[in-house]
Each structure stands twice: as structure tokens, then as C-alpha cells.
Amino acid sequence: MPHHDLLLLLSHKYAEVSAIRVVEDLKLNHNRAITKAFVQTVADAVATVAMVKEEQWSYQLPELPADVATIGIGIDGTCLLICKDGWREAMVGTISVYDKVGERLHTTYIGATPEYGKKTFLKRMESEIAKVSAAFPTAVKVGVADGAKSNWTFLTGHTDRQVLDFYHAVEYLTGVADAQYARQPKTRKQWLDDACTTLKHEETGAQGLIAQMQAYLRENKTNALKDKIQVAVKYFQNQCHLMTYASHLEQNLPIGSGVTEAACKTIVKQRLCCSGMKWKEAGAAVVLTLRTLSHSNGRWEQFWSKLDQYGFPVAT
């Protein structure tokens, strides 16, 4: 196997499974004996090149089957276990492009190890957003996320429109249904279905539901049930300006952050949070760099093409 192909194979496998599993796979399926340390050395070297060249090398989107009408931007965090600091929040970002009927055409993934202030991660997001915006200057940029304030501090400054993830709002409505109709399962289901339809398809649906929930609060209920409803009322009052689902749907704009939440699982959890795993930040950065390259369609091939063109040395 040529040296170049071995580097590609090992780094791609390490992006998906542990070094021990890579060693086992090479032995069983390729009849090649290597060490765990060699796998990690190769992965470190490849990821380091990717990180060093991140600002210098640009990647083209793959050929898309339709024109891009919308750019959906999302950020979210998920925890991984860091050796010295315990559980810390790693960040994941997604930049998706959609056609005029709302079909997702492509997603670019960005991942970052835990850092206080998230400065490096947000800088990388800004760079990627600028590149996609330049490629599709007429596309509407839509920020989609949950209710975390830090998400919107960033997204508001980098998008034309913002919308709260619909399914986060539904979680609060589910809590209200549980409190109001705890002993009436059929009524509970009907109310929740109606409430979701109202929120999703009526322009003033959020305001109407707030009024309805406030009416529930005035009824004679236990404190525990009132607390559930009160939490939902407060959430809706704080976020209703982002619950513009009806207008978004009319224009085929995204209303859910599912692609970003799925990325938290596929980019971080499935690889970095397996049983017994604990990471140094540098090691986690290697895995995240390789995984975001391999999961962003077309980037892995372009990265290796650039290595062929410019050479491998990290210090250049």
C-alpha cells in the first residue's frame, strides 16, 4: 500500500473509531500489523496540517442539484469528558444550504473542543459563513437554534432572519399538556396536537397560546402543576419574537435545528463519548478536525488533493 494511501486510510478510520479498533481492523482485514501509537501519530499529523492550513485552504461545495435559496446556520453545545476539567461543553456548528422548496442540499460541519468564551469556535464559524455567503450572495441567511442566549448573541449578527427551533417550543407545550390534562390522555393528546398546529401555522399562534396558558394558571391547581405551566409561559414570553413559524413555512425556510442537534451526536457523541473515554483537549481536537472534514461532503477528498499538490510538511 503506498505511503499516501496508508495515511489517508489510517486517519479516516481513526476519525470513526478508536486507535485500538483501527489496529484490529488493519490486522484482520488488511493483514497489516501496526501499533496504536503509529495510528495516533498519523492522525495527529494529518489533523495538524488541516488545522494549520484552515485559513489558507478553501474548500468548494460539491456540485449541487439545484440553486441555493437559503443558508441555514445553527450552533449548539454538547459535553465531553476532559481529563483535568471533567465534563465540558464542546461546540458544533452547521451551515446548510437549501433549495427554493426547502430541501437541504449540503451541510458543512464545524466542531471545536471546550474553550472558555468560545472565541476560536465563533471565529471559525464567521469564516465559514463568509465563504458560503460569498458563494450565494442572494440567499437568505436563517439562524436556527434553541433558546440559549449565547446562541442568539452570535446568530443575530450573522443572519437575516432568526427562528427558535420548533421542537424546543413543543417540549414546553408537552409540559403544559402533562400538567393540564394529566388524567385525561385523549384530551391531552388532542390539546397538544391542536397547540402544535396553532403554533406552527398561525402568525399570532404563540401569543394565543400564552393567553391560554395564563388562563390555565388561574385555575385551582397544585403548585407542581402550576410550575410546569409557569415555566412554559415564561419561555414563550421570552422567545415568542423568534416563533415566526408560519411565515417561515410560507417561504420554505427552515424552522428546526435538527441538523445541528444531530451533528452534536454524530460529530461528538458517537466518537468522543463512548464508554470509558476521557480526553486531553489536543486529542479531542484531532478527532473533531478529522470528523468534520470527513462528514462535510467533498471536503475530505479536497483536503487530500491539496496535500498532493502542496505537500505534507506541517511547518510550511
C-alpha atoms as a PDB file:
ATOM      1  CA  MET A   1       0.000   0.000   0.000  1.00  0.00           C
ATOM      2  CA  PRO A   2       1.524   3.397  -0.971  1.00  0.00           C
ATOM      3  CA  HIS A   3       2.519   5.687   1.892  1.00  0.00           C
ATOM      4  CA  HIS A   4      -0.027   8.335   0.906  1.00  0.00           C
ATOM      5  CA  ASP A   5      -2.853   5.813   0.840  1.00  0.00           C
ATOM      6  CA  LEU A   6      -1.877   4.469   4.246  1.00  0.00           C
ATOM      7  CA  LEU A   7      -2.012   7.948   5.778  1.00  0.00           C
ATOM      8  CA  LEU A   8      -5.429   8.541   4.232  1.00  0.00           C
ATOM      9  CA  LEU A   9      -6.747   5.173   5.375  1.00  0.00           C
ATOM     10  CA  LEU A  10      -5.492   5.424   8.955  1.00  0.00           C
ATOM     11  CA  SER A  11      -6.642   8.992   9.535  1.00  0.00           C
ATOM     12  CA  HIS A  12     -10.088   8.307   8.105  1.00  0.00           C
ATOM     13  CA  LYS A  13     -10.519   5.171  10.198  1.00  0.00           C
ATOM     14  CA  TYR A  14      -9.321   6.993  13.323  1.00  0.00           C
ATOM     15  CA  ALA A  15     -11.947   9.660  12.709  1.00  0.00           C
ATOM     16  CA  GLU A  16     -14.573   6.930  13.101  1.00  0.00           C
ATOM     17  CA  VAL A  17     -13.189   4.525  15.718  1.00  0.00           C
ATOM     18  CA  SER A  18     -10.536   4.302  18.429  1.00  0.00           C
ATOM     19  CA  ALA A  19      -6.882   3.598  17.674  1.00  0.00           C
ATOM     20  CA  ILE A  20      -7.238   0.108  19.139  1.00  0.00           C
ATOM     21  CA  ARG A  21     -10.086  -0.667  16.741  1.00  0.00           C
ATOM     22  CA  VAL A  22      -8.058   0.695  13.834  1.00  0.00           C
ATOM     23  CA  VAL A  23      -5.178  -1.639  14.737  1.00  0.00           C
ATOM     24  CA  GLU A  24      -7.570  -4.599  14.901  1.00  0.00           C
ATOM     25  CA  ASP A  25      -9.167  -3.699  11.569  1.00  0.00           C
ATOM     26  CA  LEU A  26      -5.841  -3.359   9.761  1.00  0.00           C
ATOM     27  CA  LYS A  27      -4.713  -6.735  11.115  1.00  0.00           C
ATOM     28  CA  LEU A  28      -7.923  -8.652  10.402  1.00  0.00           C
ATOM     29  CA  ASN A  29      -8.983  -7.103   7.117  1.00  0.00           C
ATOM     30  CA  HIS A  30      -5.743  -5.879   5.546  1.00  0.00           C
ATOM     31  CA  ASN A  31      -3.202  -8.278   7.056  1.00  0.00           C
ATOM     32  CA  ARG A  32      -1.124  -5.307   8.154  1.00  0.00           C
ATOM     33  CA  ALA A  33       0.391  -5.076  11.639  1.00  0.00           C
ATOM     34  CA  ILE A  34       0.717  -1.575  13.064  1.00  0.00           C
ATOM     35  CA  THR A  35       0.799  -0.117  16.557  1.00  0.00           C
ATOM     36  CA  LYS A  36      -1.699   2.072  18.368  1.00  0.00           C
ATOM     37  CA  ALA A  37       0.989   4.750  18.743  1.00  0.00           C
ATOM     38  CA  PHE A  38       1.549   4.795  14.979  1.00  0.00           C
ATOM     39  CA  VAL A  39      -2.154   5.301  14.321  1.00  0.00           C
ATOM     40  CA  GLN A  40      -2.285   8.215  16.748  1.00  0.00           C
ATOM     41  CA  THR A  41       0.882   9.763  15.321  1.00  0.00           C
ATOM     42  CA  VAL A  42      -0.533   9.660  11.804  1.00  0.00           C
ATOM     43  CA  ALA A  43      -3.890  11.079  12.922  1.00  0.00           C
ATOM     44  CA  ASP A  44      -2.168  13.869  14.870  1.00  0.00           C
ATOM     45  CA  ALA A  45      -0.016  14.793  11.871  1.00  0.00           C
ATOM     46  CA  VAL A  46      -2.909  14.848   9.406  1.00  0.00           C
ATOM     47  CA  ALA A  47      -5.171  16.832  11.735  1.00  0.00           C
ATOM     48  CA  THR A  48      -2.383  19.299  12.466  1.00  0.00           C
ATOM     49  CA  VAL A  49      -1.985  20.025   8.758  1.00  0.00           C
ATOM     50  CA  ALA A  50      -5.746  20.586   8.485  1.00  0.00           C
ATOM     51  CA  MET A  51      -5.726  22.976  11.446  1.00  0.00           C
ATOM     52  CA  VAL A  52      -2.612  24.872  10.343  1.00  0.00           C
ATOM     53  CA  LYS A  53      -3.947  25.328   6.813  1.00  0.00           C
ATOM     54  CA  GLU A  54      -7.517  26.043   7.860  1.00  0.00           C
ATOM     55  CA  GLU A  55      -7.459  29.741   6.969  1.00  0.00           C
ATOM     56  CA  GLN A  56      -5.224  29.361   3.896  1.00  0.00           C
ATOM     57  CA  TRP A  57      -7.024  26.493   2.193  1.00  0.00           C
ATOM     58  CA  SER A  58     -10.557  26.987   0.938  1.00  0.00           C
ATOM     59  CA  TYR A  59     -12.927  24.170   0.071  1.00  0.00           C
ATOM     60  CA  GLN A  60     -15.522  24.242  -2.659  1.00  0.00           C
ATOM     61  CA  LEU A  61     -19.029  22.967  -2.121  1.00  0.00           C
ATOM     62  CA  PRO A  62     -19.810  19.863  -4.163  1.00  0.00           C
ATOM     63  CA  GLU A  63     -21.910  20.212  -7.281  1.00  0.00           C
ATOM     64  CA  LEU A  64     -25.462  20.799  -6.101  1.00  0.00           C
ATOM     65  CA  PRO A  65     -28.609  19.521  -7.822  1.00  0.00           C
ATOM     66  CA  ALA A  66     -30.471  22.830  -7.505  1.00  0.00           C
ATOM     67  CA  ASP A  67     -29.932  26.543  -6.959  1.00  0.00           C
ATOM     68  CA  VAL A  68     -29.370  27.686  -3.377  1.00  0.00           C
ATOM     69  CA  ALA A  69     -32.129  29.899  -1.958  1.00  0.00           C
ATOM     70  CA  THR A  70     -31.441  29.687   1.773  1.00  0.00           C
ATOM     71  CA  ILE A  71     -28.444  29.294   4.072  1.00  0.00           C
ATOM     72  CA  GLY A  72     -29.365  27.786   7.445  1.00  0.00           C
ATOM     73  CA  ILE A  73     -26.913  28.410  10.293  1.00  0.00           C
ATOM     74  CA  GLY A  74     -27.005  26.678  13.665  1.00  0.00           C
ATOM     75  CA  ILE A  75     -24.766  26.300  16.705  1.00  0.00           C
ATOM     76  CA  ASP A  76     -25.125  24.073  19.737  1.00  0.00           C
ATOM     77  CA  GLY A  77     -23.045  22.544  22.510  1.00  0.00           C
ATOM     78  CA  THR A  78     -22.664  19.059  23.919  1.00  0.00           C
ATOM     79  CA  CYS A  79     -20.487  17.779  26.743  1.00  0.00           C
ATOM     80  CA  LEU A  80     -17.456  15.525  26.613  1.00  0.00           C
ATOM     81  CA  LEU A  81     -15.171  14.327  29.404  1.00  0.00           C
ATOM     82  CA  ILE A  82     -11.862  16.214  29.634  1.00  0.00           C
ATOM     83  CA  CYS A  83      -9.074  14.665  31.718  1.00  0.00           C
ATOM     84  CA  LYS A  84      -8.332  17.592  34.033  1.00  0.00           C
ATOM     85  CA  ASP A  85     -11.575  19.553  33.901  1.00  0.00           C
ATOM     86  CA  GLY A  86     -14.307  16.902  33.929  1.00  0.00           C
ATOM     87  CA  TRP A  87     -17.359  17.383  31.717  1.00  0.00           C
ATOM     88  CA  ARG A  88     -17.007  20.430  29.463  1.00  0.00           C
ATOM     89  CA  GLU A  89     -19.020  21.764  26.551  1.00  0.00           C
ATOM     90  CA  ALA A  90     -17.728  21.149  23.045  1.00  0.00           C
ATOM     91  CA  MET A  91     -19.294  23.242  20.282  1.00  0.00           C
ATOM     92  CA  VAL A  92     -20.760  22.164  16.974  1.00  0.00           C
ATOM     93  CA  GLY A  93     -21.826  24.405  14.130  1.00  0.00           C
ATOM     94  CA  THR A  94     -23.668  23.645  10.908  1.00  0.00           C
ATOM     95  CA  ILE A  95     -24.020  25.685   7.740  1.00  0.00           C
ATOM     96  CA  SER A  96     -26.627  24.133   5.455  1.00  0.00           C
ATOM     97  CA  VAL A  97     -27.810  25.241   2.039  1.00  0.00           C
ATOM     98  CA  TYR A  98     -31.395  24.719   0.845  1.00  0.00           C
ATOM     99  CA  ASP A  99     -33.175  24.993  -2.474  1.00  0.00           C
ATOM    100  CA  LYS A 100     -36.248  27.144  -3.102  1.00  0.00           C
ATOM    101  CA  VAL A 101     -38.653  24.452  -1.870  1.00  0.00           C
ATOM    102  CA  GLY A 102     -36.747  23.948   1.373  1.00  0.00           C
ATOM    103  CA  GLU A 103     -34.827  20.766   0.563  1.00  0.00           C
ATOM    104  CA  ARG A 104     -31.421  20.586   2.222  1.00  0.00           C
ATOM    105  CA  LEU A 105     -28.677  20.227  -0.374  1.00  0.00           C
ATOM    106  CA  HIS A 106     -25.481  20.179   1.677  1.00  0.00           C
ATOM    107  CA  THR A 107     -24.153  20.772   5.189  1.00  0.00           C
ATOM    108  CA  THR A 108     -20.737  21.915   6.335  1.00  0.00           C
ATOM    109  CA  TYR A 109     -19.820  20.883   9.886  1.00  0.00           C
ATOM    110  CA  ILE A 110     -17.624  22.775  12.339  1.00  0.00           C
ATOM    111  CA  GLY A 111     -16.520  21.282  15.652  1.00  0.00           C
ATOM    112  CA  ALA A 112     -14.466  22.709  18.499  1.00  0.00           C
ATOM    113  CA  THR A 113     -13.120  21.412  21.788  1.00  0.00           C
ATOM    114  CA  PRO A 114     -14.225  23.115  25.014  1.00  0.00           C
ATOM    115  CA  GLU A 115     -12.931  26.647  25.444  1.00  0.00           C
ATOM    116  CA  TYR A 116     -13.933  29.470  27.732  1.00  0.00           C
ATOM    117  CA  GLY A 117     -15.667  32.176  25.743  1.00  0.00           C
ATOM    118  CA  LYS A 118     -15.856  30.081  22.536  1.00  0.00           C
ATOM    119  CA  LYS A 119     -13.741  32.691  20.735  1.00  0.00           C
ATOM    120  CA  THR A 120     -11.912  30.274  18.428  1.00  0.00           C
ATOM    121  CA  PHE A 121     -15.073  28.389  17.519  1.00  0.00           C
ATOM    122  CA  LEU A 122     -17.030  31.552  16.728  1.00  0.00           C
ATOM    123  CA  LYS A 123     -14.169  32.882  14.607  1.00  0.00           C
ATOM    124  CA  ARG A 124     -14.216  29.672  12.566  1.00  0.00           C
ATOM    125  CA  MET A 125     -17.985  29.946  12.172  1.00  0.00           C
ATOM    126  CA  GLU A 126     -17.653  33.527  10.958  1.00  0.00           C
ATOM    127  CA  SER A 127     -15.070  32.463   8.382  1.00  0.00           C
ATOM    128  CA  GLU A 128     -17.234  29.628   7.048  1.00  0.00           C
ATOM    129  CA  ILE A 129     -20.364  31.794   6.972  1.00  0.00           C
ATOM    130  CA  ALA A 130     -18.481  34.462   4.992  1.00  0.00           C
ATOM    131  CA  LYS A 131     -17.341  31.908   2.401  1.00  0.00           C
ATOM    132  CA  VAL A 132     -20.798  30.426   1.882  1.00  0.00           C
ATOM    133  CA  SER A 133     -22.409  33.873   1.809  1.00  0.00           C
ATOM    134  CA  ALA A 134     -19.956  34.965  -0.877  1.00  0.00           C
ATOM    135  CA  ALA A 135     -20.785  31.873  -2.933  1.00  0.00           C
ATOM    136  CA  PHE A 136     -24.538  32.520  -2.682  1.00  0.00           C
ATOM    137  CA  PRO A 137     -24.954  36.291  -2.183  1.00  0.00           C
ATOM    138  CA  THR A 138     -28.709  36.341  -2.844  1.00  0.00           C
ATOM    139  CA  ALA A 139     -29.538  33.511  -0.432  1.00  0.00           C
ATOM    140  CA  VAL A 140     -31.431  34.336   2.754  1.00  0.00           C
ATOM    141  CA  LYS A 141     -29.403  33.510   5.881  1.00  0.00           C
ATOM    142  CA  VAL A 142     -31.534  31.960   8.631  1.00  0.00           C
ATOM    143  CA  GLY A 143     -30.313  31.304  12.163  1.00  0.00           C
ATOM    144  CA  VAL A 144     -31.972  28.329  13.890  1.00  0.00           C
ATOM    145  CA  ALA A 145     -31.181  27.301  17.467  1.00  0.00           C
ATOM    146  CA  ASP A 146     -32.629  26.603  20.887  1.00  0.00           C
ATOM    147  CA  GLY A 147     -33.292  29.326  23.451  1.00  0.00           C
ATOM    148  CA  ALA A 148     -29.756  29.719  24.834  1.00  0.00           C
ATOM    149  CA  LYS A 149     -28.912  33.430  24.903  1.00  0.00           C
ATOM    150  CA  SER A 150     -25.318  32.894  23.768  1.00  0.00           C
ATOM    151  CA  ASN A 151     -26.563  31.270  20.554  1.00  0.00           C
ATOM    152  CA  TRP A 152     -28.598  34.292  19.597  1.00  0.00           C
ATOM    153  CA  THR A 153     -25.905  36.791  20.521  1.00  0.00           C
ATOM    154  CA  PHE A 154     -23.889  35.279  17.696  1.00  0.00           C
ATOM    155  CA  LEU A 155     -26.594  34.297  15.217  1.00  0.00           C
ATOM    156  CA  THR A 156     -28.400  37.643  15.231  1.00  0.00           C
ATOM    157  CA  GLY A 157     -25.286  39.343  13.939  1.00  0.00           C
ATOM    158  CA  HIS A 158     -24.704  36.856  11.133  1.00  0.00           C
ATOM    159  CA  THR A 159     -28.164  36.070   9.757  1.00  0.00           C
ATOM    160  CA  ASP A 160     -31.019  37.908   8.052  1.00  0.00           C
ATOM    161  CA  ARG A 161     -33.735  36.056   9.963  1.00  0.00           C
ATOM    162  CA  GLN A 162     -33.842  34.050  13.158  1.00  0.00           C
ATOM    163  CA  VAL A 163     -36.223  31.342  14.336  1.00  0.00           C
ATOM    164  CA  LEU A 164     -36.390  29.296  17.508  1.00  0.00           C
ATOM    165  CA  ASP A 165     -36.169  25.558  16.954  1.00  0.00           C
ATOM    166  CA  PHE A 166     -39.798  24.463  16.700  1.00  0.00           C
ATOM    167  CA  TYR A 167     -39.288  21.236  18.602  1.00  0.00           C
ATOM    168  CA  HIS A 168     -37.833  23.007  21.628  1.00  0.00           C
ATOM    169  CA  ALA A 169     -41.039  25.034  21.833  1.00  0.00           C
ATOM    170  CA  VAL A 170     -43.061  21.823  21.511  1.00  0.00           C
ATOM    171  CA  GLU A 171     -41.252  20.398  24.545  1.00  0.00           C
ATOM    172  CA  TYR A 172     -42.697  23.203  26.668  1.00  0.00           C
ATOM    173  CA  LEU A 173     -46.167  22.660  25.245  1.00  0.00           C
ATOM    174  CA  THR A 174     -45.817  18.987  26.153  1.00  0.00           C
ATOM    175  CA  GLY A 175     -45.145  20.006  29.751  1.00  0.00           C
ATOM    176  CA  VAL A 176     -48.309  22.114  29.760  1.00  0.00           C
ATOM    177  CA  ALA A 177     -50.348  19.234  28.345  1.00  0.00           C
ATOM    178  CA  ASP A 178     -48.979  16.913  31.034  1.00  0.00           C
ATOM    179  CA  ALA A 179     -49.915  19.382  33.771  1.00  0.00           C
ATOM    180  CA  GLN A 180     -53.325  20.415  32.478  1.00  0.00           C
ATOM    181  CA  TYR A 181     -54.611  17.029  31.373  1.00  0.00           C
ATOM    182  CA  ALA A 182     -52.628  14.576  33.486  1.00  0.00           C
ATOM    183  CA  ARG A 183     -55.595  12.220  33.916  1.00  0.00           C
ATOM    184  CA  GLN A 184     -57.183  12.733  30.506  1.00  0.00           C
ATOM    185  CA  PRO A 185     -54.853  11.103  27.953  1.00  0.00           C
ATOM    186  CA  LYS A 186     -57.140  11.562  24.946  1.00  0.00           C
ATOM    187  CA  THR A 187     -57.808  15.204  25.760  1.00  0.00           C
ATOM    188  CA  ARG A 188     -54.102  15.724  26.450  1.00  0.00           C
ATOM    189  CA  LYS A 189     -53.170  14.403  23.025  1.00  0.00           C
ATOM    190  CA  GLN A 190     -55.827  16.448  21.258  1.00  0.00           C
ATOM    191  CA  TRP A 191     -54.829  19.647  23.052  1.00  0.00           C
ATOM    192  CA  LEU A 192     -51.153  19.116  22.265  1.00  0.00           C
ATOM    193  CA  ASP A 193     -51.867  18.373  18.591  1.00  0.00           C
ATOM    194  CA  ASP A 194     -54.022  21.493  18.318  1.00  0.00           C
ATOM    195  CA  ALA A 195     -51.474  23.644  20.152  1.00  0.00           C
ATOM    196  CA  CYS A 196     -48.652  22.499  17.866  1.00  0.00           C
ATOM    197  CA  THR A 197     -50.758  23.222  14.783  1.00  0.00           C
ATOM    198  CA  THR A 198     -51.641  26.669  16.114  1.00  0.00           C
ATOM    199  CA  LEU A 199     -48.024  27.492  16.888  1.00  0.00           C
ATOM    200  CA  LYS A 200     -46.771  26.232  13.550  1.00  0.00           C
ATOM    201  CA  HIS A 201     -49.341  27.657  11.166  1.00  0.00           C
ATOM    202  CA  GLU A 202     -50.886  30.760  12.774  1.00  0.00           C
ATOM    203  CA  GLU A 203     -48.930  34.011  12.653  1.00  0.00           C
ATOM    204  CA  THR A 204     -50.003  35.003  16.175  1.00  0.00           C
ATOM    205  CA  GLY A 205     -50.114  31.437  17.444  1.00  0.00           C
ATOM    206  CA  ALA A 206     -47.507  31.947  20.167  1.00  0.00           C
ATOM    207  CA  GLN A 207     -49.382  34.911  21.661  1.00  0.00           C
ATOM    208  CA  GLY A 208     -52.649  32.976  21.644  1.00  0.00           C
ATOM    209  CA  LEU A 209     -51.044  30.052  23.443  1.00  0.00           C
ATOM    210  CA  ILE A 210     -49.550  32.365  26.060  1.00  0.00           C
ATOM    211  CA  ALA A 211     -53.037  33.674  26.822  1.00  0.00           C
ATOM    212  CA  GLN A 212     -54.376  30.134  27.028  1.00  0.00           C
ATOM    213  CA  MET A 213     -51.616  29.007  29.370  1.00  0.00           C
ATOM    214  CA  GLN A 214     -52.123  32.045  31.579  1.00  0.00           C
ATOM    215  CA  ALA A 215     -55.793  31.090  31.859  1.00  0.00           C
ATOM    216  CA  TYR A 216     -54.733  27.627  32.997  1.00  0.00           C
ATOM    217  CA  LEU A 217     -52.616  29.213  35.724  1.00  0.00           C
ATOM    218  CA  ARG A 218     -55.655  30.925  37.173  1.00  0.00           C
ATOM    219  CA  GLU A 219     -57.347  27.590  37.711  1.00  0.00           C
ATOM    220  CA  ASN A 220     -57.066  25.729  41.016  1.00  0.00           C
ATOM    221  CA  LYS A 221     -54.004  23.508  40.611  1.00  0.00           C
ATOM    222  CA  THR A 222     -51.244  22.155  42.795  1.00  0.00           C
ATOM    223  CA  ASN A 223     -48.015  24.116  42.892  1.00  0.00           C
ATOM    224  CA  ALA A 224     -46.150  21.380  40.996  1.00  0.00           C
ATOM    225  CA  LEU A 225     -48.561  21.576  38.057  1.00  0.00           C
ATOM    226  CA  LYS A 226     -48.580  25.364  38.099  1.00  0.00           C
ATOM    227  CA  ASP A 227     -44.787  25.391  37.994  1.00  0.00           C
ATOM    228  CA  LYS A 228     -44.768  23.421  34.739  1.00  0.00           C
ATOM    229  CA  ILE A 229     -47.191  25.831  33.124  1.00  0.00           C
ATOM    230  CA  GLN A 230     -45.434  28.902  34.516  1.00  0.00           C
ATOM    231  CA  VAL A 231     -42.116  27.745  33.067  1.00  0.00           C
ATOM    232  CA  ALA A 232     -43.741  27.393  29.650  1.00  0.00           C
ATOM    233  CA  VAL A 233     -45.404  30.823  29.888  1.00  0.00           C
ATOM    234  CA  LYS A 234     -42.105  32.495  30.731  1.00  0.00           C
ATOM    235  CA  TYR A 235     -40.299  30.670  27.928  1.00  0.00           C
ATOM    236  CA  PHE A 236     -42.909  31.639  25.346  1.00  0.00           C
ATOM    237  CA  GLN A 237     -42.937  35.257  26.524  1.00  0.00           C
ATOM    238  CA  ASN A 238     -39.151  35.466  26.193  1.00  0.00           C
ATOM    239  CA  GLN A 239     -38.960  33.694  22.842  1.00  0.00           C
ATOM    240  CA  CYS A 240     -42.212  34.484  21.020  1.00  0.00           C
ATOM    241  CA  HIS A 241     -40.446  37.007  18.754  1.00  0.00           C
ATOM    242  CA  LEU A 242     -38.491  34.017  17.398  1.00  0.00           C
ATOM    243  CA  MET A 243     -41.575  31.820  16.903  1.00  0.00           C
ATOM    244  CA  THR A 244     -42.378  33.093  13.410  1.00  0.00           C
ATOM    245  CA  TYR A 245     -43.018  29.607  12.076  1.00  0.00           C
ATOM    246  CA  ALA A 246     -45.957  30.391   9.811  1.00  0.00           C
ATOM    247  CA  SER A 247     -44.094  32.987   7.752  1.00  0.00           C
ATOM    248  CA  HIS A 248     -41.013  30.771   7.564  1.00  0.00           C
ATOM    249  CA  LEU A 249     -43.040  27.840   6.287  1.00  0.00           C
ATOM    250  CA  GLU A 250     -44.749  30.035   3.682  1.00  0.00           C
ATOM    251  CA  GLN A 251     -41.301  30.937   2.332  1.00  0.00           C
ATOM    252  CA  ASN A 252     -39.899  27.381   2.647  1.00  0.00           C
ATOM    253  CA  LEU A 253     -37.389  28.469   5.280  1.00  0.00           C
ATOM    254  CA  PRO A 254     -36.133  26.035   7.956  1.00  0.00           C
ATOM    255  CA  ILE A 255     -37.778  26.038  11.391  1.00  0.00           C
ATOM    256  CA  GLY A 256     -35.903  23.185  13.072  1.00  0.00           C
ATOM    257  CA  SER A 257     -32.350  22.787  14.363  1.00  0.00           C
ATOM    258  CA  GLY A 258     -32.393  19.025  13.902  1.00  0.00           C
ATOM    259  CA  VAL A 259     -29.364  19.071  11.607  1.00  0.00           C
ATOM    260  CA  THR A 260     -27.310  20.801  14.320  1.00  0.00           C
ATOM    261  CA  GLU A 261     -28.547  18.573  17.126  1.00  0.00           C
ATOM    262  CA  ALA A 262     -27.846  15.516  15.000  1.00  0.00           C
ATOM    263  CA  ALA A 263     -24.340  16.871  14.407  1.00  0.00           C
ATOM    264  CA  CYS A 264     -23.762  17.014  18.173  1.00  0.00           C
ATOM    265  CA  LYS A 265     -24.399  13.280  18.242  1.00  0.00           C
ATOM    266  CA  THR A 266     -22.602  12.247  15.053  1.00  0.00           C
ATOM    267  CA  ILE A 267     -19.600  14.570  15.274  1.00  0.00           C
ATOM    268  CA  VAL A 268     -19.022  14.490  19.043  1.00  0.00           C
ATOM    269  CA  LYS A 269     -21.005  11.928  20.996  1.00  0.00           C
ATOM    270  CA  GLN A 270     -20.659   8.855  18.790  1.00  0.00           C
ATOM    271  CA  ARG A 271     -16.869   9.089  18.722  1.00  0.00           C
ATOM    272  CA  LEU A 272     -15.733  11.051  21.782  1.00  0.00           C
ATOM    273  CA  CYS A 273     -18.226   9.861  24.395  1.00  0.00           C
ATOM    274  CA  CYS A 274     -18.020   6.093  24.165  1.00  0.00           C
ATOM    275  CA  SER A 275     -17.826   4.111  27.396  1.00  0.00           C
ATOM    276  CA  GLY A 276     -14.740   4.948  29.455  1.00  0.00           C
ATOM    277  CA  MET A 277     -13.428   7.660  27.134  1.00  0.00           C
ATOM    278  CA  LYS A 278     -11.650  10.656  28.625  1.00  0.00           C
ATOM    279  CA  TRP A 279      -9.756  13.177  26.509  1.00  0.00           C
ATOM    280  CA  LYS A 280      -6.988  15.717  26.554  1.00  0.00           C
ATOM    281  CA  GLU A 281      -8.066  18.783  24.608  1.00  0.00           C
ATOM    282  CA  ALA A 282      -5.400  18.257  21.944  1.00  0.00           C
ATOM    283  CA  GLY A 283      -6.538  14.674  21.354  1.00  0.00           C
ATOM    284  CA  ALA A 284     -10.187  15.699  21.116  1.00  0.00           C
ATOM    285  CA  ALA A 285      -9.241  18.445  18.656  1.00  0.00           C
ATOM    286  CA  VAL A 286      -7.591  15.863  16.390  1.00  0.00           C
ATOM    287  CA  VAL A 287     -10.728  13.728  16.269  1.00  0.00           C
ATOM    288  CA  LEU A 288     -13.078  16.681  15.732  1.00  0.00           C
ATOM    289  CA  THR A 289     -10.893  18.045  12.938  1.00  0.00           C
ATOM    290  CA  LEU A 290     -10.857  14.715  11.119  1.00  0.00           C
ATOM    291  CA  ARG A 291     -14.564  14.067  11.651  1.00  0.00           C
ATOM    292  CA  THR A 292     -15.723  17.468  10.407  1.00  0.00           C
ATOM    293  CA  LEU A 293     -13.549  17.014   7.323  1.00  0.00           C
ATOM    294  CA  SER A 294     -14.894  13.541   6.590  1.00  0.00           C
ATOM    295  CA  HIS A 295     -18.561  14.323   7.365  1.00  0.00           C
ATOM    296  CA  SER A 296     -18.686  17.513   5.268  1.00  0.00           C
ATOM    297  CA  ASN A 297     -19.362  16.044   1.832  1.00  0.00           C
ATOM    298  CA  GLY A 298     -16.459  16.687  -0.548  1.00  0.00           C
ATOM    299  CA  ARG A 299     -14.001  18.169   1.941  1.00  0.00           C
ATOM    300  CA  TRP A 300     -12.069  15.009   2.710  1.00  0.00           C
ATOM    301  CA  GLU A 301     -11.240  14.493  -0.951  1.00  0.00           C
ATOM    302  CA  GLN A 302     -10.330  18.153  -1.446  1.00  0.00           C
ATOM    303  CA  PHE A 303      -8.100  18.129   1.626  1.00  0.00           C
ATOM    304  CA  TRP A 304      -6.081  15.184   0.328  1.00  0.00           C
ATOM    305  CA  SER A 305      -5.936  16.736  -3.112  1.00  0.00           C
ATOM    306  CA  LYS A 306      -4.333  19.811  -1.565  1.00  0.00           C
ATOM    307  CA  LEU A 307      -1.852  17.613   0.284  1.00  0.00           C
ATOM    308  CA  ASP A 308      -0.920  16.048  -3.049  1.00  0.00           C
ATOM    309  CA  GLN A 309      -0.489  19.497  -4.558  1.00  0.00           C
ATOM    310  CA  TYR A 310       1.316  21.331  -1.767  1.00  0.00           C
ATOM    311  CA  GLY A 311       2.989  18.529   0.169  1.00  0.00           C
ATOM    312  CA  PHE A 312       2.642  17.266   3.692  1.00  0.00           C
ATOM    313  CA  PRO A 313       5.093  19.243   5.905  1.00  0.00           C
ATOM    314  CA  VAL A 314       3.275  20.955   8.778  1.00  0.00           C
ATOM    315  CA  ALA A 315       5.769  23.739   9.215  1.00  0.00           C
ATOM    316  CA  THR A 316       5.122  25.357   5.822  1.00  0.00           C
END
